[in-house]
Amino acid sequence: MALIQCPECTKEVSDTAKSCPQCGRKLQKSYAGKIIGMFAALIVVIVVICLFMSAENSVQMENNASDRLDAALGYHSTLLSDQVKELHDKYFIDKTEILQAMVVFTGYTKDDKMIQKVMPSVLNVAVANKITPAEAADEIGKAWHGN
């Protein structure tokens, strides 16, 4: 319970009163605060849903990229899977982009140890040249094969 000011006589009145006890003026209930509160709650719910959907979509994209890497190599490389997290933590590059670069580099070699060795250079080139890791992997792969 809070005190509000009567718009007629300016005396303090309980916000639950139906009329001012001093002058008798009927007091209207203000729904503006409730409406603003409900609107803010709705916005929070929408933001939480969007964040949840975005995180779920990101995980799904990462899993798809990981499956493409496994398919490109013809086997699952735990060596490269472990390296993805390390490179993500070091370069702050999305794991999906790192996996995509690895997939591109499988076009030049299926040797996961070679891919593991080259990936830091791929990410350095990507950052330095402001290109995607996949583009950097393709450039390094072409240079490596003399194309």
N, C-alpha and C. Protein backbone atom coordinates (compact mmCIF):
# COMPACT_ATOMS: atom_id res chain seq x y z
N MET A 1 0.83 -1.17 0.00
CA MET A 1 0.00 0.00 0.00
C MET A 1 0.89 1.25 0.00
N ALA A 2 0.57 2.13 -0.90
CA ALA A 2 1.35 3.37 -1.02
C ALA A 2 0.42 4.56 -0.93
N LEU A 3 1.00 5.69 -0.68
CA LEU A 3 0.22 6.92 -0.62
C LEU A 3 0.36 7.66 -1.95
N ILE A 4 -0.77 8.14 -2.43
CA ILE A 4 -0.78 8.94 -3.66
C ILE A 4 -1.38 10.30 -3.34
N GLN A 5 -1.28 11.21 -4.25
CA GLN A 5 -1.81 12.56 -4.04
C GLN A 5 -3.15 12.67 -4.76
N CYS A 6 -4.14 13.19 -4.05
CA CYS A 6 -5.45 13.41 -4.66
C CYS A 6 -5.30 14.51 -5.72
N PRO A 7 -5.79 14.28 -6.93
CA PRO A 7 -5.65 15.30 -7.97
C PRO A 7 -6.51 16.55 -7.70
N GLU A 8 -7.49 16.44 -6.83
CA GLU A 8 -8.38 17.58 -6.54
C GLU A 8 -7.84 18.45 -5.42
N CYS A 9 -7.62 17.84 -4.23
CA CYS A 9 -7.23 18.62 -3.05
C CYS A 9 -5.75 18.48 -2.68
N THR A 10 -5.02 17.65 -3.37
CA THR A 10 -3.59 17.38 -3.22
C THR A 10 -3.21 16.77 -1.86
N LYS A 11 -4.20 16.25 -1.13
CA LYS A 11 -3.90 15.56 0.14
C LYS A 11 -3.43 14.14 -0.17
N GLU A 12 -2.65 13.57 0.75
CA GLU A 12 -2.19 12.20 0.57
C GLU A 12 -3.32 11.23 0.89
N VAL A 13 -3.46 10.23 -0.02
CA VAL A 13 -4.54 9.26 0.09
C VAL A 13 -3.96 7.88 -0.20
N SER A 14 -4.53 6.87 0.42
CA SER A 14 -4.10 5.50 0.15
C SER A 14 -4.39 5.16 -1.30
N ASP A 15 -3.48 4.43 -1.93
CA ASP A 15 -3.69 4.05 -3.33
C ASP A 15 -4.80 3.01 -3.49
N THR A 16 -5.28 2.47 -2.36
CA THR A 16 -6.38 1.50 -2.43
C THR A 16 -7.74 2.16 -2.21
N ALA A 17 -7.76 3.45 -1.85
CA ALA A 17 -9.02 4.16 -1.60
C ALA A 17 -9.76 4.39 -2.90
N LYS A 18 -11.12 4.26 -2.80
CA LYS A 18 -11.95 4.48 -3.99
C LYS A 18 -12.25 5.97 -4.18
N SER A 19 -12.18 6.71 -3.07
CA SER A 19 -12.40 8.15 -3.16
C SER A 19 -11.55 8.84 -2.09
N CYS A 20 -11.31 10.11 -2.29
CA CYS A 20 -10.51 10.90 -1.35
C CYS A 20 -11.34 11.14 -0.08
N PRO A 21 -10.81 10.78 1.10
CA PRO A 21 -11.57 11.02 2.34
C PRO A 21 -11.68 12.51 2.68
N GLN A 22 -10.84 13.36 2.10
CA GLN A 22 -10.88 14.80 2.40
C GLN A 22 -11.94 15.53 1.56
N CYS A 23 -11.89 15.33 0.23
CA CYS A 23 -12.78 16.09 -0.65
C CYS A 23 -13.86 15.23 -1.30
N GLY A 24 -13.71 13.90 -1.20
CA GLY A 24 -14.73 13.01 -1.74
C GLY A 24 -14.58 12.68 -3.22
N ARG A 25 -13.57 13.22 -3.85
CA ARG A 25 -13.38 12.94 -5.28
C ARG A 25 -13.11 11.45 -5.49
N LYS A 26 -13.77 10.88 -6.52
CA LYS A 26 -13.52 9.49 -6.86
C LYS A 26 -12.13 9.37 -7.48
N LEU A 27 -11.41 8.35 -7.06
CA LEU A 27 -10.05 8.13 -7.57
C LEU A 27 -10.06 7.01 -8.59
N GLN A 28 -9.47 7.27 -9.71
CA GLN A 28 -9.39 6.25 -10.76
C GLN A 28 -8.18 5.38 -10.48
N LYS A 29 -8.34 4.11 -10.74
CA LYS A 29 -7.23 3.17 -10.60
C LYS A 29 -6.30 3.35 -11.80
N SER A 30 -5.04 3.37 -11.54
CA SER A 30 -4.06 3.51 -12.61
C SER A 30 -3.59 2.13 -13.04
N TYR A 31 -3.85 1.81 -14.26
CA TYR A 31 -3.42 0.52 -14.80
C TYR A 31 -2.13 0.65 -15.60
N ALA A 32 -1.63 1.87 -15.72
CA ALA A 32 -0.42 2.09 -16.51
C ALA A 32 0.75 1.27 -15.98
N GLY A 33 0.93 1.27 -14.67
CA GLY A 33 2.04 0.50 -14.09
C GLY A 33 1.92 -0.98 -14.35
N LYS A 34 0.68 -1.49 -14.24
CA LYS A 34 0.45 -2.92 -14.50
C LYS A 34 0.70 -3.25 -15.97
N ILE A 35 0.25 -2.38 -16.84
CA ILE A 35 0.44 -2.60 -18.28
C ILE A 35 1.93 -2.58 -18.63
N ILE A 36 2.65 -1.61 -18.09
CA ILE A 36 4.09 -1.53 -18.34
C ILE A 36 4.79 -2.77 -17.81
N GLY A 37 4.40 -3.22 -16.61
CA GLY A 37 4.99 -4.42 -16.02
C GLY A 37 4.73 -5.66 -16.88
N MET A 38 3.49 -5.80 -17.36
CA MET A 38 3.17 -6.96 -18.22
C MET A 38 3.93 -6.88 -19.54
N PHE A 39 4.05 -5.68 -20.09
CA PHE A 39 4.79 -5.50 -21.34
C PHE A 39 6.27 -5.87 -21.15
N ALA A 40 6.86 -5.42 -20.04
CA ALA A 40 8.26 -5.74 -19.75
C ALA A 40 8.43 -7.25 -19.56
N ALA A 41 7.49 -7.89 -18.87
CA ALA A 41 7.56 -9.34 -18.66
C ALA A 41 7.46 -10.06 -20.00
N LEU A 42 6.59 -9.58 -20.88
CA LEU A 42 6.46 -10.19 -22.20
C LEU A 42 7.76 -10.07 -23.00
N ILE A 43 8.40 -8.92 -22.93
CA ILE A 43 9.67 -8.72 -23.63
C ILE A 43 10.73 -9.67 -23.08
N VAL A 44 10.78 -9.82 -21.76
CA VAL A 44 11.76 -10.74 -21.15
C VAL A 44 11.51 -12.16 -21.63
N VAL A 45 10.26 -12.59 -21.67
CA VAL A 45 9.93 -13.94 -22.13
C VAL A 45 10.36 -14.13 -23.59
N ILE A 46 10.09 -13.16 -24.42
CA ILE A 46 10.47 -13.25 -25.84
C ILE A 46 11.99 -13.33 -25.99
N VAL A 47 12.72 -12.52 -25.23
CA VAL A 47 14.19 -12.54 -25.30
C VAL A 47 14.73 -13.89 -24.85
N VAL A 48 14.18 -14.44 -23.78
CA VAL A 48 14.63 -15.75 -23.28
C VAL A 48 14.36 -16.83 -24.33
N ILE A 49 13.20 -16.80 -24.94
CA ILE A 49 12.88 -17.78 -25.98
C ILE A 49 13.84 -17.66 -27.16
N CYS A 50 14.11 -16.43 -27.58
CA CYS A 50 15.03 -16.21 -28.70
C CYS A 50 16.44 -16.70 -28.37
N LEU A 51 16.91 -16.43 -27.16
CA LEU A 51 18.24 -16.90 -26.75
C LEU A 51 18.28 -18.42 -26.73
N PHE A 52 17.23 -19.04 -26.23
CA PHE A 52 17.18 -20.50 -26.18
C PHE A 52 17.21 -21.08 -27.58
N MET A 53 16.41 -20.51 -28.47
CA MET A 53 16.36 -21.00 -29.85
C MET A 53 17.70 -20.79 -30.56
N SER A 54 18.34 -19.66 -30.29
CA SER A 54 19.64 -19.37 -30.90
C SER A 54 20.70 -20.36 -30.42
N ALA A 55 20.71 -20.65 -29.12
CA ALA A 55 21.68 -21.59 -28.58
C ALA A 55 21.44 -22.98 -29.13
N GLU A 56 20.17 -23.37 -29.23
CA GLU A 56 19.83 -24.69 -29.77
C GLU A 56 20.24 -24.79 -31.23
N ASN A 57 20.00 -23.73 -32.00
CA ASN A 57 20.38 -23.70 -33.41
C ASN A 57 21.89 -23.77 -33.57
N SER A 58 22.63 -23.07 -32.70
CA SER A 58 24.09 -23.08 -32.74
C SER A 58 24.64 -24.49 -32.49
N VAL A 59 24.07 -25.18 -31.51
CA VAL A 59 24.51 -26.55 -31.20
C VAL A 59 24.20 -27.47 -32.38
N GLN A 60 23.03 -27.30 -32.98
CA GLN A 60 22.65 -28.13 -34.12
C GLN A 60 23.59 -27.89 -35.31
N MET A 61 23.93 -26.61 -35.55
CA MET A 61 24.86 -26.30 -36.64
C MET A 61 26.24 -26.91 -36.37
N GLU A 62 26.69 -26.84 -35.12
CA GLU A 62 27.98 -27.42 -34.76
C GLU A 62 27.96 -28.94 -34.95
N ASN A 63 26.87 -29.59 -34.56
CA ASN A 63 26.76 -31.04 -34.74
C ASN A 63 26.75 -31.41 -36.22
N ASN A 64 26.06 -30.60 -37.04
CA ASN A 64 26.03 -30.86 -38.49
C ASN A 64 27.43 -30.70 -39.09
N ALA A 65 28.15 -29.67 -38.66
CA ALA A 65 29.50 -29.46 -39.17
C ALA A 65 30.42 -30.60 -38.73
N SER A 66 30.24 -31.06 -37.51
CA SER A 66 31.03 -32.18 -37.00
C SER A 66 30.74 -33.45 -37.80
N ASP A 67 29.47 -33.67 -38.12
CA ASP A 67 29.10 -34.83 -38.95
C ASP A 67 29.71 -34.72 -40.34
N ARG A 68 29.75 -33.51 -40.91
CA ARG A 68 30.36 -33.33 -42.24
C ARG A 68 31.86 -33.62 -42.19
N LEU A 69 32.52 -33.23 -41.09
CA LEU A 69 33.94 -33.52 -40.95
C LEU A 69 34.16 -35.03 -40.86
N ASP A 70 33.34 -35.72 -40.08
CA ASP A 70 33.45 -37.17 -39.97
C ASP A 70 33.25 -37.83 -41.34
N ALA A 71 32.26 -37.34 -42.08
CA ALA A 71 31.99 -37.90 -43.41
C ALA A 71 33.14 -37.62 -44.37
N ALA A 72 33.72 -36.43 -44.29
CA ALA A 72 34.82 -36.07 -45.19
C ALA A 72 36.06 -36.90 -44.90
N LEU A 73 36.32 -37.15 -43.61
CA LEU A 73 37.49 -37.97 -43.25
C LEU A 73 37.24 -39.45 -43.46
N GLY A 74 35.97 -39.84 -43.33
CA GLY A 74 35.64 -41.26 -43.41
C GLY A 74 35.70 -41.93 -42.04
N TYR A 75 35.95 -41.17 -41.01
CA TYR A 75 35.99 -41.68 -39.63
C TYR A 75 35.88 -40.49 -38.68
N HIS A 76 35.64 -40.79 -37.41
CA HIS A 76 35.56 -39.72 -36.41
C HIS A 76 36.95 -39.52 -35.81
N SER A 77 37.45 -38.31 -35.89
CA SER A 77 38.76 -37.99 -35.34
C SER A 77 38.59 -37.28 -34.00
N THR A 78 38.87 -37.99 -32.93
CA THR A 78 38.82 -37.35 -31.61
C THR A 78 39.92 -36.29 -31.49
N LEU A 79 41.01 -36.51 -32.22
CA LEU A 79 42.11 -35.55 -32.23
C LEU A 79 41.61 -34.18 -32.69
N LEU A 80 40.85 -34.15 -33.79
CA LEU A 80 40.33 -32.89 -34.31
C LEU A 80 39.18 -32.36 -33.46
N SER A 81 38.36 -33.25 -32.94
CA SER A 81 37.25 -32.83 -32.07
C SER A 81 37.79 -32.11 -30.84
N ASP A 82 38.84 -32.66 -30.26
CA ASP A 82 39.45 -32.03 -29.08
C ASP A 82 40.08 -30.69 -29.44
N GLN A 83 40.65 -30.63 -30.64
CA GLN A 83 41.33 -29.39 -31.04
C GLN A 83 40.35 -28.25 -31.28
N VAL A 84 39.13 -28.57 -31.70
CA VAL A 84 38.14 -27.52 -31.98
C VAL A 84 37.92 -26.66 -30.74
N LYS A 85 37.73 -27.28 -29.59
CA LYS A 85 37.51 -26.51 -28.35
C LYS A 85 38.74 -25.68 -28.00
N GLU A 86 39.92 -26.26 -28.12
CA GLU A 86 41.15 -25.52 -27.82
C GLU A 86 41.28 -24.29 -28.72
N LEU A 87 41.03 -24.48 -30.02
CA LEU A 87 41.15 -23.36 -30.96
C LEU A 87 40.08 -22.31 -30.71
N HIS A 88 38.88 -22.76 -30.39
CA HIS A 88 37.79 -21.83 -30.07
C HIS A 88 38.18 -20.98 -28.86
N ASP A 89 38.73 -21.60 -27.84
CA ASP A 89 39.13 -20.87 -26.62
C ASP A 89 40.28 -19.91 -26.89
N LYS A 90 41.17 -20.29 -27.79
CA LYS A 90 42.34 -19.45 -28.07
C LYS A 90 42.02 -18.29 -29.01
N TYR A 91 41.25 -18.58 -30.07
CA TYR A 91 41.01 -17.57 -31.10
C TYR A 91 39.64 -16.89 -31.00
N PHE A 92 38.77 -17.41 -30.14
CA PHE A 92 37.40 -16.89 -29.99
C PHE A 92 36.66 -16.92 -31.32
N ILE A 93 36.91 -17.96 -32.09
CA ILE A 93 36.21 -18.17 -33.36
C ILE A 93 35.18 -19.26 -33.13
N ASP A 94 34.00 -19.08 -33.71
CA ASP A 94 32.91 -20.03 -33.55
C ASP A 94 33.37 -21.45 -33.92
N LYS A 95 32.97 -22.41 -33.10
CA LYS A 95 33.37 -23.81 -33.33
C LYS A 95 32.90 -24.31 -34.69
N THR A 96 31.73 -23.88 -35.11
CA THR A 96 31.21 -24.30 -36.41
C THR A 96 32.12 -23.83 -37.54
N GLU A 97 32.63 -22.61 -37.44
CA GLU A 97 33.53 -22.09 -38.47
C GLU A 97 34.85 -22.87 -38.49
N ILE A 98 35.33 -23.26 -37.31
CA ILE A 98 36.56 -24.05 -37.25
C ILE A 98 36.34 -25.41 -37.89
N LEU A 99 35.21 -26.04 -37.57
CA LEU A 99 34.88 -27.34 -38.17
C LEU A 99 34.75 -27.23 -39.69
N GLN A 100 34.12 -26.15 -40.16
CA GLN A 100 33.98 -25.95 -41.60
C GLN A 100 35.34 -25.80 -42.28
N ALA A 101 36.27 -25.12 -41.61
CA ALA A 101 37.62 -24.98 -42.16
C ALA A 101 38.30 -26.36 -42.24
N MET A 102 38.09 -27.17 -41.22
CA MET A 102 38.65 -28.52 -41.23
C MET A 102 38.07 -29.34 -42.38
N VAL A 103 36.76 -29.19 -42.61
CA VAL A 103 36.11 -29.90 -43.72
C VAL A 103 36.73 -29.47 -45.04
N VAL A 104 36.94 -28.16 -45.21
CA VAL A 104 37.56 -27.66 -46.45
C VAL A 104 38.95 -28.26 -46.62
N PHE A 105 39.70 -28.31 -45.53
CA PHE A 105 41.07 -28.82 -45.64
C PHE A 105 41.12 -30.31 -45.92
N THR A 106 40.04 -31.05 -45.62
CA THR A 106 40.01 -32.48 -45.97
C THR A 106 40.02 -32.68 -47.48
N GLY A 107 39.71 -31.62 -48.23
CA GLY A 107 39.82 -31.69 -49.69
C GLY A 107 41.28 -31.76 -50.13
N TYR A 108 42.20 -31.44 -49.24
CA TYR A 108 43.63 -31.46 -49.56
C TYR A 108 44.35 -32.61 -48.88
N THR A 109 43.85 -33.04 -47.74
CA THR A 109 44.43 -34.20 -47.05
C THR A 109 43.40 -34.79 -46.10
N LYS A 110 43.42 -36.10 -45.95
CA LYS A 110 42.53 -36.79 -45.01
C LYS A 110 43.29 -37.11 -43.72
N ASP A 111 44.52 -36.71 -43.63
CA ASP A 111 45.36 -36.99 -42.46
C ASP A 111 45.00 -36.02 -41.33
N ASP A 112 44.33 -36.54 -40.29
CA ASP A 112 43.87 -35.66 -39.23
C ASP A 112 45.03 -35.02 -38.46
N LYS A 113 46.18 -35.67 -38.41
CA LYS A 113 47.34 -35.07 -37.74
C LYS A 113 47.85 -33.86 -38.53
N MET A 114 47.81 -33.96 -39.85
CA MET A 114 48.23 -32.83 -40.69
C MET A 114 47.23 -31.68 -40.55
N ILE A 115 45.94 -32.01 -40.54
CA ILE A 115 44.92 -30.97 -40.38
C ILE A 115 45.10 -30.28 -39.02
N GLN A 116 45.33 -31.08 -37.99
CA GLN A 116 45.55 -30.53 -36.66
C GLN A 116 46.75 -29.58 -36.65
N LYS A 117 47.79 -29.95 -37.35
CA LYS A 117 49.01 -29.15 -37.40
C LYS A 117 48.79 -27.82 -38.13
N VAL A 118 47.97 -27.85 -39.17
CA VAL A 118 47.76 -26.68 -40.03
C VAL A 118 46.71 -25.70 -39.49
N MET A 119 45.77 -26.20 -38.70
CA MET A 119 44.64 -25.37 -38.28
C MET A 119 45.03 -24.07 -37.56
N PRO A 120 46.01 -24.04 -36.67
CA PRO A 120 46.38 -22.74 -36.09
C PRO A 120 46.81 -21.73 -37.15
N SER A 121 47.55 -22.19 -38.16
CA SER A 121 47.95 -21.29 -39.25
C SER A 121 46.74 -20.82 -40.04
N VAL A 122 45.80 -21.73 -40.26
CA VAL A 122 44.57 -21.37 -40.98
C VAL A 122 43.84 -20.25 -40.24
N LEU A 123 43.72 -20.39 -38.94
CA LEU A 123 43.00 -19.38 -38.16
C LEU A 123 43.77 -18.06 -38.09
N ASN A 124 45.09 -18.15 -38.03
CA ASN A 124 45.91 -16.92 -38.06
C ASN A 124 45.71 -16.17 -39.37
N VAL A 125 45.70 -16.91 -40.49
CA VAL A 125 45.48 -16.29 -41.80
C VAL A 125 44.08 -15.68 -41.86
N ALA A 126 43.09 -16.41 -41.34
CA ALA A 126 41.71 -15.91 -41.36
C ALA A 126 41.60 -14.60 -40.59
N VAL A 127 42.18 -14.56 -39.41
CA VAL A 127 42.12 -13.35 -38.59
C VAL A 127 42.88 -12.21 -39.24
N ALA A 128 44.10 -12.49 -39.71
CA ALA A 128 44.94 -11.45 -40.31
C ALA A 128 44.32 -10.87 -41.58
N ASN A 129 43.71 -11.72 -42.40
CA ASN A 129 43.15 -11.27 -43.67
C ASN A 129 41.65 -10.95 -43.61
N LYS A 130 41.07 -11.10 -42.42
CA LYS A 130 39.65 -10.83 -42.22
C LYS A 130 38.78 -11.62 -43.20
N ILE A 131 39.08 -12.92 -43.29
CA ILE A 131 38.29 -13.83 -44.12
C ILE A 131 37.81 -14.97 -43.22
N THR A 132 36.92 -15.77 -43.75
CA THR A 132 36.42 -16.89 -42.95
C THR A 132 37.50 -17.95 -42.83
N PRO A 133 37.46 -18.75 -41.77
CA PRO A 133 38.42 -19.84 -41.64
C PRO A 133 38.36 -20.82 -42.82
N ALA A 134 37.17 -21.04 -43.37
CA ALA A 134 37.04 -21.94 -44.53
C ALA A 134 37.79 -21.37 -45.74
N GLU A 135 37.69 -20.05 -45.94
CA GLU A 135 38.42 -19.42 -47.06
C GLU A 135 39.93 -19.52 -46.83
N ALA A 136 40.34 -19.31 -45.59
CA ALA A 136 41.77 -19.41 -45.26
C ALA A 136 42.26 -20.84 -45.46
N ALA A 137 41.45 -21.83 -45.08
CA ALA A 137 41.83 -23.23 -45.26
C ALA A 137 42.00 -23.55 -46.74
N ASP A 138 41.12 -23.00 -47.56
CA ASP A 138 41.21 -23.22 -49.01
C ASP A 138 42.46 -22.56 -49.58
N GLU A 139 42.77 -21.33 -49.15
CA GLU A 139 43.98 -20.65 -49.63
C GLU A 139 45.24 -21.42 -49.24
N ILE A 140 45.30 -21.86 -47.98
CA ILE A 140 46.49 -22.60 -47.52
C ILE A 140 46.57 -23.95 -48.22
N GLY A 141 45.43 -24.58 -48.40
CA GLY A 141 45.42 -25.88 -49.10
C GLY A 141 45.92 -25.75 -50.54
N LYS A 142 45.48 -24.69 -51.22
CA LYS A 142 45.94 -24.46 -52.60
C LYS A 142 47.43 -24.17 -52.64
N ALA A 143 47.92 -23.36 -51.72
CA ALA A 143 49.35 -23.04 -51.66
C ALA A 143 50.16 -24.31 -51.32
N TRP A 144 49.63 -25.12 -50.45
CA TRP A 144 50.29 -26.36 -50.03
C TRP A 144 50.42 -27.34 -51.18
N HIS A 145 49.39 -27.37 -52.04
CA HIS A 145 49.41 -28.26 -53.20
C HIS A 145 49.97 -27.59 -54.44
N GLY A 146 50.37 -26.34 -54.31
CA GLY A 146 50.99 -25.63 -55.44
C GLY A 146 50.00 -25.20 -56.50
N ASN A 147 48.73 -25.03 -56.17
CA ASN A 147 47.70 -24.60 -57.15
C ASN A 147 47.66 -23.11 -57.27
